[in-house]
């Protein structure tokens, strides 16, 4: 089948839909409206790669749906007897793992990067990120193979190991990633920070962004680059001896108490390769009669000191995001070639966006749930899927959250039209969906 033309694939898909299937992965169908909202066909076009028989959008969807169902590696497709993932991706049967791997190899690094940026722009367009405060951070994915990759030091264990390094920009308001990129260890903070800030500026061109960064990014050349962009930053200072002495020399009466243990003040200072004076927000922490000073470099004189501390504290959300995405296969390298890793990041970004949009629509107590919990509660359920006339009817039986889901999916096509979204699904032969709960 995989060497046949798209028309043959489409005809076989039509036969399967008319015959009907049973699936245990109803989530792949529940998320189709969110794929339409994201503009998945336009996203696939951004890759600029030619079809190898299977339309590119269906290859992308196959990878996305595997990730959504916790199938972290292409090898997992060999164990699938349930046709739901393939059908939701617009395919009559599952492709083999060699085809999936070949697809990841096809885009060049810049093509996969263009896809990632387009996802970010789409998120901004439909209000899934706001870009007011953005966190930067990096994450190591361990490599245990024979190739002599450079080692880097894990921030938690302090143990060096061979790895590919993922760098991320995360929207603090909506907890959604804006941009992701993969590099080998050895790049400097300036090189990485410049690339992240430039990408965010391209994705969100009409806002002044506050970038929050840990002390690895506390480099004058990078901070100057951000300042010249017209952007803002908050970064933890490196506690070199001269900085500690500078903070210790601040008179006690300059500090304003914000908690029983902490006082705060601001002074002006200078750092190398930053061609202006810079604000240093200094925190004095007295715990168990031990006084510790630490500070934040900030290029916004109007930002309240408590707000500076709060924005930096919220930066830790990106650490939780890295952990949450393990369910989607984030920590499973498909290869050590950066074009494949970048394409895999794009797949993960799309999958995470769908889950995030879904739980935002659920609202309330469901918004903070992580990806795996959403899968277990909502997506891992049984359904019959069958084409009747022009409607693909998805009948879901005994869903524990029927009362939550039914109002969202009632009269779905009218709701899509209200948002100027065509309810016809191109990868499902331009049919529309109808959900029924029993």
Protein backbone atom coordinates (compact mmCIF):
# COMPACT_ATOMS: atom_id res chain seq x y z
CA UNK A 1 0.00 0.00 0.00
CA UNK A 2 2.76 2.47 0.91
CA UNK A 3 4.03 2.83 -2.64
CA UNK A 4 0.57 3.53 -3.99
CA UNK A 5 -0.86 6.90 -4.85
CA UNK A 6 -2.94 9.06 -2.47
CA UNK A 7 -6.14 8.19 -4.38
CA UNK A 8 -5.68 4.48 -3.62
CA UNK A 9 -5.06 5.23 0.07
CA UNK A 10 -8.15 7.42 0.10
CA UNK A 11 -10.28 4.71 -1.52
CA UNK A 12 -9.16 2.07 1.00
CA UNK A 13 -9.81 4.52 3.84
CA UNK A 14 -13.33 5.09 2.54
CA UNK A 15 -13.96 1.35 2.51
CA UNK A 16 -12.78 1.02 6.11
CA UNK A 17 -14.91 3.93 7.27
CA UNK A 18 -18.03 2.56 5.58
CA UNK A 19 -17.41 -0.88 7.05
CA UNK A 20 -16.81 0.68 10.47
CA UNK A 21 -14.18 0.04 13.16
CA UNK A 22 -14.00 -0.35 16.92
CA UNK A 23 -11.22 1.50 18.73
CA UNK A 24 -9.92 1.94 22.27
CA UNK A 25 -8.25 5.24 21.34
CA UNK A 26 -11.21 7.60 21.10
CA UNK A 27 -8.95 10.53 22.03
CA UNK A 28 -7.54 10.57 18.50
CA UNK A 29 -11.04 11.45 17.26
CA UNK A 30 -11.91 13.82 20.12
CA UNK A 31 -8.87 15.92 19.18
CA UNK A 32 -9.62 16.24 15.46
CA UNK A 33 -11.49 19.58 15.92
CA UNK A 34 -8.39 20.95 17.65
CA UNK A 35 -6.24 19.82 14.71
CA UNK A 36 -8.61 21.73 12.43
CA UNK A 37 -8.32 24.80 14.65
CA UNK A 38 -4.52 24.58 14.59
CA UNK A 39 -4.54 24.34 10.77
CA UNK A 40 -2.78 20.98 10.54
CA UNK A 41 -2.84 20.87 6.73
CA UNK A 42 -1.13 24.26 6.55
CA UNK A 43 1.38 23.06 9.16
CA UNK A 44 2.27 20.05 7.04
CA UNK A 45 2.72 22.30 4.01
CA UNK A 46 5.34 24.28 5.97
CA UNK A 47 7.69 21.31 5.85
CA UNK A 48 8.12 21.66 2.11
CA UNK A 49 8.84 17.95 1.61
CA UNK A 50 7.37 15.83 -1.16
CA UNK A 51 4.97 13.00 -0.52
CA UNK A 52 6.36 9.46 -0.63
CA UNK A 53 2.96 7.99 -1.52
CA UNK A 54 1.34 8.84 1.80
CA UNK A 55 0.34 12.54 1.92
CA UNK A 56 2.65 14.47 4.25
CA UNK A 57 -0.19 15.57 6.52
CA UNK A 58 -1.09 11.91 7.16
CA UNK A 59 2.51 11.05 8.05
CA UNK A 60 2.56 13.95 10.51
CA UNK A 61 -0.79 12.88 11.98
CA UNK A 62 0.36 9.29 12.41
CA UNK A 63 3.29 10.44 14.54
CA UNK A 64 1.12 12.92 16.47
CA UNK A 65 -1.53 10.31 17.27
CA UNK A 66 1.09 7.79 18.40
CA UNK A 67 2.46 10.43 20.78
CA UNK A 68 -1.02 11.28 22.10
CA UNK A 69 -1.55 7.63 22.98
CA UNK A 70 1.78 7.30 24.78
CA UNK A 71 3.39 5.23 22.00
CA UNK A 72 6.84 6.75 22.39
CA UNK A 73 8.72 4.91 19.65
CA UNK A 74 7.97 3.94 16.06
CA UNK A 75 8.51 0.31 17.06
CA UNK A 76 5.25 0.49 19.01
CA UNK A 77 3.33 0.53 15.74
CA UNK A 78 4.22 -3.14 15.27
CA UNK A 79 2.19 -4.03 18.37
CA UNK A 80 -0.95 -2.15 17.31
CA UNK A 81 -3.95 -4.21 16.30
CA UNK A 82 -6.39 -1.37 17.10
CA UNK A 83 -7.04 0.51 13.81
CA UNK A 84 -8.14 3.76 15.52
CA UNK A 85 -4.80 5.58 15.38
CA UNK A 86 -4.38 4.87 11.67
CA UNK A 87 -7.98 5.77 10.75
CA UNK A 88 -7.85 9.06 12.71
CA UNK A 89 -4.67 9.85 10.76
CA UNK A 90 -6.42 9.26 7.43
CA UNK A 91 -4.83 5.85 6.77
CA UNK A 92 -6.65 2.52 6.27
CA UNK A 93 -3.91 0.56 8.08
CA UNK A 94 -0.83 1.39 10.11
CA UNK A 95 2.40 2.05 8.22
CA UNK A 96 5.40 0.00 9.32
CA UNK A 97 8.08 1.39 11.58
CA UNK A 98 10.64 1.74 8.78
CA UNK A 99 8.30 4.08 6.92
CA UNK A 100 7.79 6.19 10.06
CA UNK A 101 11.55 6.47 10.58
CA UNK A 102 12.12 7.38 6.95
CA UNK A 103 9.59 10.16 7.25
CA UNK A 104 11.44 11.76 10.19
CA UNK A 105 14.66 11.71 8.15
CA UNK A 106 13.20 13.58 5.18
CA UNK A 107 12.90 17.18 6.43
CA UNK A 108 16.07 19.19 6.72
CA UNK A 109 16.72 20.89 10.05
CA UNK A 110 15.56 24.28 8.78
CA UNK A 111 12.35 22.75 7.38
CA UNK A 112 11.47 21.12 10.70
CA UNK A 113 12.37 24.38 12.46
CA UNK A 114 9.97 26.24 10.16
CA UNK A 115 7.21 23.83 11.20
CA UNK A 116 7.90 24.51 14.89
CA UNK A 117 7.78 28.27 14.37
CA UNK A 118 4.55 27.97 12.40
CA UNK A 119 2.95 26.04 15.30
CA UNK A 120 4.04 28.87 17.60
CA UNK A 121 2.50 31.49 15.29
CA UNK A 122 -0.74 29.53 15.07
CA UNK A 123 -0.90 29.27 18.87
CA UNK A 124 -0.47 33.03 19.16
CA UNK A 125 -3.09 33.66 16.48
CA UNK A 126 -5.76 31.61 18.26
CA UNK A 127 -4.89 32.83 21.76
CA UNK A 128 -3.13 29.77 23.21
CA UNK A 129 -0.07 31.82 24.17
CA UNK A 130 0.12 35.50 25.06
CA UNK A 131 3.89 36.07 25.15
CA UNK A 132 3.88 38.52 28.05
CA UNK A 133 6.34 36.51 30.14
CA UNK A 134 8.43 33.74 28.55
CA UNK A 135 10.74 31.28 30.33
CA UNK A 136 13.93 29.87 28.81
CA UNK A 137 15.48 26.60 29.90
CA UNK A 138 17.41 23.59 28.60
CA UNK A 139 16.97 19.85 29.01
CA UNK A 140 19.35 16.97 28.38
CA UNK A 141 18.20 13.79 26.65
CA UNK A 142 20.67 11.02 27.44
CA UNK A 143 22.37 9.12 24.60
CA UNK A 144 23.76 5.66 25.37
CA UNK A 145 25.06 4.75 21.90
CA UNK A 146 28.60 4.32 20.58
CA UNK A 147 29.03 7.66 18.82
CA UNK A 148 31.34 9.93 20.78
CA UNK A 149 28.97 12.82 21.48
CA UNK A 150 30.14 15.61 23.75
CA UNK A 151 29.06 15.28 27.35
CA UNK A 152 27.10 17.81 29.36
CA UNK A 153 26.33 17.99 33.07
CA UNK A 154 22.85 17.23 34.32
CA UNK A 155 21.65 20.08 36.55
CA UNK A 156 20.17 17.76 39.17
CA UNK A 157 22.64 14.89 39.45
CA UNK A 158 25.71 16.96 38.45
CA UNK A 159 26.87 13.92 36.49
CA UNK A 160 28.19 14.42 32.93
CA UNK A 161 26.84 12.16 30.19
CA UNK A 162 26.49 12.05 26.41
CA UNK A 163 23.32 13.83 25.36
CA UNK A 164 21.37 15.89 22.90
CA UNK A 165 20.32 19.19 24.42
CA UNK A 166 16.80 20.60 24.00
CA UNK A 167 16.29 24.32 24.46
CA UNK A 168 12.79 25.66 25.06
CA UNK A 169 10.83 28.89 25.37
CA UNK A 170 7.61 28.47 27.39
CA UNK A 171 4.70 30.88 27.78
CA UNK A 172 4.17 31.43 31.52
CA UNK A 173 0.50 32.39 31.30
CA UNK A 174 -0.80 29.35 29.42
CA UNK A 175 2.03 26.88 30.19
CA UNK A 176 2.42 26.23 26.46
CA UNK A 177 5.75 25.98 24.62
CA UNK A 178 6.38 28.75 22.11
CA UNK A 179 9.54 27.39 20.51
CA UNK A 180 11.80 24.33 20.78
CA UNK A 181 15.19 23.57 19.28
CA UNK A 182 17.77 20.78 19.49
CA UNK A 183 21.55 21.19 19.61
CA UNK A 184 24.52 19.11 20.63
CA UNK A 185 26.33 20.18 23.82
CA UNK A 186 28.98 22.86 23.35
CA UNK A 187 26.89 25.84 22.28
CA UNK A 188 27.29 28.95 24.44
CA UNK A 189 24.55 30.69 26.42
CA UNK A 190 24.82 33.63 24.01
CA UNK A 191 24.29 31.43 20.94
CA UNK A 192 21.33 29.63 22.49
CA UNK A 193 19.75 32.71 24.07
CA UNK A 194 20.05 34.73 20.85
CA UNK A 195 18.33 31.94 18.88
CA UNK A 196 15.52 31.56 21.44
CA UNK A 197 14.84 35.30 21.74
CA UNK A 198 14.97 35.81 17.95
CA UNK A 199 12.50 32.95 17.41
CA UNK A 200 10.11 34.35 20.04
CA UNK A 201 10.31 37.77 18.43
CA UNK A 202 9.45 36.21 15.05
CA UNK A 203 6.52 34.26 16.50
CA UNK A 204 5.24 37.18 18.63
CA UNK A 205 6.25 40.29 16.66
CA UNK A 206 3.92 42.85 18.22
CA UNK A 207 4.71 42.60 21.96
CA UNK A 208 7.39 43.53 24.43
CA UNK A 209 8.29 40.20 26.02
CA UNK A 210 9.82 39.65 29.46
CA UNK A 211 12.28 36.74 29.19
CA UNK A 212 13.01 34.91 32.47
CA UNK A 213 16.25 32.94 32.49
CA UNK A 214 18.48 31.12 34.95
CA UNK A 215 22.06 32.18 35.69
CA UNK A 216 23.49 30.22 32.73
CA UNK A 217 21.97 32.94 30.51
CA UNK A 218 23.28 35.75 32.75
CA UNK A 219 25.80 36.93 30.15
CA UNK A 220 26.21 40.57 29.17
CA UNK A 221 26.41 39.93 25.43
CA UNK A 222 23.07 38.06 25.45
CA UNK A 223 21.35 40.60 27.68
CA UNK A 224 22.56 43.40 25.40
CA UNK A 225 21.10 41.55 22.40
CA UNK A 226 17.72 41.32 24.15
CA UNK A 227 17.86 45.00 25.16
CA UNK A 228 18.60 46.08 21.58
CA UNK A 229 15.60 44.04 20.42
CA UNK A 230 13.43 46.25 22.63
CA UNK A 231 12.63 43.29 24.90
CA UNK A 232 12.90 42.81 28.69
CA UNK A 233 14.68 40.22 30.81
CA UNK A 234 14.89 38.86 34.34
CA UNK A 235 17.85 36.62 35.08
CA UNK A 236 19.40 35.28 38.25
CA UNK A 237 22.91 36.66 38.77
CA UNK A 238 25.98 34.48 39.01
CA UNK A 239 27.11 34.67 42.64
CA UNK A 240 30.76 35.54 42.03
CA UNK A 241 32.63 36.91 45.03
CA UNK A 242 32.59 40.49 43.74
CA UNK A 243 28.79 40.33 43.32
CA UNK A 244 28.32 38.97 46.84
CA UNK A 245 30.50 41.78 48.22
CA UNK A 246 28.53 44.35 46.22
CA UNK A 247 25.27 43.14 47.76
CA UNK A 248 26.71 42.88 51.27
CA UNK A 249 27.76 46.54 51.14
CA UNK A 250 24.16 47.76 50.69
CA UNK A 251 23.05 49.54 53.92
CA UNK A 252 20.46 47.55 55.88
CA UNK A 253 18.02 50.47 55.90
CA UNK A 254 17.78 50.24 52.10
CA UNK A 255 16.00 46.90 52.35
CA UNK A 256 12.20 46.73 52.47
CA UNK A 257 10.72 43.73 54.26
CA UNK A 258 8.46 41.57 52.08
CA UNK A 259 8.28 38.52 54.37
CA UNK A 260 9.47 37.73 57.90
CA UNK A 261 12.68 36.31 56.45
CA UNK A 262 13.24 38.44 53.37
CA UNK A 263 14.00 42.03 52.52
CA UNK A 264 14.43 43.49 49.03
CA UNK A 265 15.96 46.54 47.37
CA UNK A 266 17.23 47.67 43.98
CA UNK A 267 20.54 49.21 42.96
CA UNK A 268 22.24 50.11 39.68
CA UNK A 269 25.24 48.09 38.56
CA UNK A 270 27.26 47.22 35.47
CA UNK A 271 28.22 43.97 33.79
CA UNK A 272 30.73 43.19 31.07
CA UNK A 273 29.52 43.53 27.44
CA UNK A 274 26.30 45.29 28.48
CA UNK A 275 26.52 48.92 27.39
CA UNK A 276 24.26 50.57 29.91
CA UNK A 277 23.75 50.51 33.64
CA UNK A 278 21.49 47.70 34.74
CA UNK A 279 19.08 47.24 37.62
CA UNK A 280 19.99 44.64 40.23
CA UNK A 281 17.10 43.52 42.44
CA UNK A 282 18.73 42.24 45.64
CA UNK A 283 17.05 39.87 48.07
CA UNK A 284 18.36 39.51 51.61
CA UNK A 285 17.27 36.18 53.10
CA UNK A 286 17.77 35.48 56.82
CA UNK A 287 16.99 31.88 57.73
CA UNK A 288 18.19 30.26 60.98
CA UNK A 289 20.29 33.38 61.64
CA UNK A 290 22.19 32.87 58.37
CA UNK A 291 22.07 35.79 55.93
CA UNK A 292 22.21 35.00 52.21
CA UNK A 293 22.09 37.49 49.35
CA UNK A 294 20.97 36.76 45.83
CA UNK A 295 19.84 38.99 43.01
CA UNK A 296 18.15 39.37 39.67
CA UNK A 297 19.35 41.44 36.72
CA UNK A 298 16.43 43.35 35.20
CA UNK A 299 16.24 45.96 32.44
CA UNK A 300 12.85 47.32 33.50
CA UNK A 301 13.04 50.03 36.16
CA UNK A 302 9.26 50.17 36.59
CA UNK A 303 8.67 46.50 37.40
CA UNK A 304 7.82 45.99 41.08
CA UNK A 305 10.39 43.96 42.99
CA UNK A 306 7.75 41.45 44.11
CA UNK A 307 6.72 41.01 40.47
CA UNK A 308 10.34 40.34 39.48
CA UNK A 309 10.58 37.62 42.13
CA UNK A 310 7.22 36.16 41.14
CA UNK A 311 8.06 36.02 37.41
CA UNK A 312 11.34 34.29 38.14
CA UNK A 313 9.69 31.82 40.53
CA UNK A 314 7.15 30.94 37.82
CA UNK A 315 10.03 30.02 35.53
CA UNK A 316 10.13 26.67 37.32
CA UNK A 317 6.98 25.72 35.42
CA UNK A 318 9.19 24.86 32.45
CA UNK A 319 10.87 22.13 34.50
CA UNK A 320 7.48 20.54 35.17
CA UNK A 321 6.67 20.84 31.46
CA UNK A 322 9.76 18.84 30.49
CA UNK A 323 8.65 16.11 32.90
CA UNK A 324 5.06 16.16 31.68
CA UNK A 325 6.12 15.67 28.07
CA UNK A 326 7.89 12.41 28.79
CA UNK A 327 4.50 10.72 28.24
CA UNK A 328 4.51 12.03 24.66
CA UNK A 329 7.96 10.59 23.96
CA UNK A 330 9.92 13.81 24.52
CA UNK A 331 12.84 11.97 26.16
CA UNK A 332 12.98 9.19 23.56
CA UNK A 333 15.45 10.15 20.86
CA UNK A 334 14.42 8.83 17.43
CA UNK A 335 18.02 9.38 16.35
CA UNK A 336 20.94 11.66 17.23
CA UNK A 337 20.71 13.47 13.89
CA UNK A 338 19.48 16.97 14.62
CA UNK A 339 17.07 17.17 11.67
CA UNK A 340 15.24 14.06 12.96
CA UNK A 341 15.29 15.28 16.57
CA UNK A 342 13.94 18.68 15.46
CA UNK A 343 11.14 17.02 13.50
CA UNK A 344 10.34 14.88 16.53
CA UNK A 345 10.15 18.06 18.64
CA UNK A 346 7.66 19.47 16.13
CA UNK A 347 5.51 16.35 16.53
CA UNK A 348 5.63 16.68 20.31
CA UNK A 349 4.78 20.37 20.10
CA UNK A 350 1.65 19.64 18.04
CA UNK A 351 0.58 16.80 20.35
CA UNK A 352 1.03 18.91 23.46
CA UNK A 353 -0.88 21.80 21.89
CA UNK A 354 -3.88 19.53 21.27
CA UNK A 355 -3.95 18.29 24.86
CA UNK A 356 -3.51 21.80 26.21
CA UNK A 357 -6.35 23.19 24.07
CA UNK A 358 -8.60 20.26 25.02
CA UNK A 359 -8.14 20.67 28.78
CA UNK A 360 -8.51 24.46 28.49
CA UNK A 361 -11.94 23.83 26.92
CA UNK A 362 -12.81 21.46 29.75
CA UNK A 363 -11.92 24.23 32.21
CA UNK A 364 -11.94 24.18 36.00
CA UNK A 365 -10.24 21.29 37.75
CA UNK A 366 -9.09 19.75 34.45
CA UNK A 367 -6.83 22.62 33.36
CA UNK A 368 -3.88 21.69 35.64
CA UNK A 369 -4.03 17.96 34.80
CA UNK A 370 -0.95 16.65 33.04
CA UNK A 371 -0.93 14.98 29.62
CA UNK A 372 -0.89 11.42 30.90
CA UNK A 373 -3.81 12.04 33.29
CA UNK A 374 -5.87 13.57 30.46
CA UNK A 375 -5.12 10.49 28.34
CA UNK A 376 -6.14 8.08 31.10
CA UNK A 377 -9.34 9.93 32.00
CA UNK A 378 -10.61 11.04 28.59
CA UNK A 379 -8.82 9.44 25.64
CA UNK A 380 -8.36 5.79 26.59
CA UNK A 381 -12.00 4.85 25.96
CA UNK A 382 -13.94 2.67 23.54
CA UNK A 383 -15.93 3.79 20.54
CA UNK A 384 -17.44 2.61 17.27
CA UNK A 385 -16.51 4.69 14.24
CA UNK A 386 -18.60 4.36 11.08
CA UNK A 387 -19.31 6.48 8.02
CA UNK A 388 -22.99 7.13 7.31
CA UNK A 389 -23.69 9.29 4.27
CA UNK A 390 -21.17 12.13 4.71
CA UNK A 391 -20.89 11.89 8.51
CA UNK A 392 -18.30 9.90 10.40
CA UNK A 393 -20.28 8.89 13.47
CA UNK A 394 -18.18 8.33 16.58
CA UNK A 395 -20.28 6.53 19.20
CA UNK A 396 -18.69 6.52 22.67
CA UNK A 397 -19.96 4.06 25.24
CA UNK A 398 -20.04 4.47 29.01
CA UNK A 399 -17.53 7.31 29.17
CA UNK A 400 -16.96 8.30 32.81
CA UNK A 401 -16.90 11.99 31.84
CA UNK A 402 -19.85 11.97 29.44
CA UNK A 403 -21.50 14.90 31.25
CA UNK A 404 -18.37 16.99 30.68
CA UNK A 405 -17.76 16.00 27.07
CA UNK A 406 -21.27 15.85 25.63
CA UNK A 407 -21.96 19.61 25.77
CA UNK A 408 -18.60 20.33 24.10
CA UNK A 409 -19.23 17.99 21.17
CA UNK A 410 -22.95 18.58 20.71
CA UNK A 411 -23.66 20.20 17.32
CA UNK A 412 -19.90 20.26 16.69
CA UNK A 413 -20.05 21.35 13.06
CA UNK A 414 -22.07 24.47 13.87
CA UNK A 415 -19.53 25.38 16.54
CA UNK A 416 -16.68 24.99 14.06
CA UNK A 417 -18.44 27.17 11.51
CA UNK A 418 -18.93 29.87 14.18
CA UNK A 419 -15.14 29.95 14.48
CA UNK A 420 -14.75 30.13 10.69
CA UNK A 421 -13.40 26.56 10.59
CA UNK A 422 -14.56 24.31 7.76
CA UNK A 423 -15.99 21.17 9.47
CA UNK A 424 -14.96 18.99 6.51
CA UNK A 425 -11.80 17.04 7.36
CA UNK A 426 -9.40 16.89 4.40
CA UNK A 427 -7.44 13.84 5.59
CA UNK A 428 -10.70 11.92 6.18
CA UNK A 429 -11.94 12.36 2.59
CA UNK A 430 -13.66 15.67 3.45
CA UNK A 431 -16.24 14.01 5.68
CA UNK A 432 -17.50 15.63 8.89
CA UNK A 433 -17.60 14.23 12.41
CA UNK A 434 -20.59 13.56 14.62
CA UNK A 435 -20.19 12.40 18.23
CA UNK A 436 -22.77 10.43 20.16
CA UNK A 437 -22.52 9.32 23.79
CA UNK A 438 -24.34 6.18 24.97
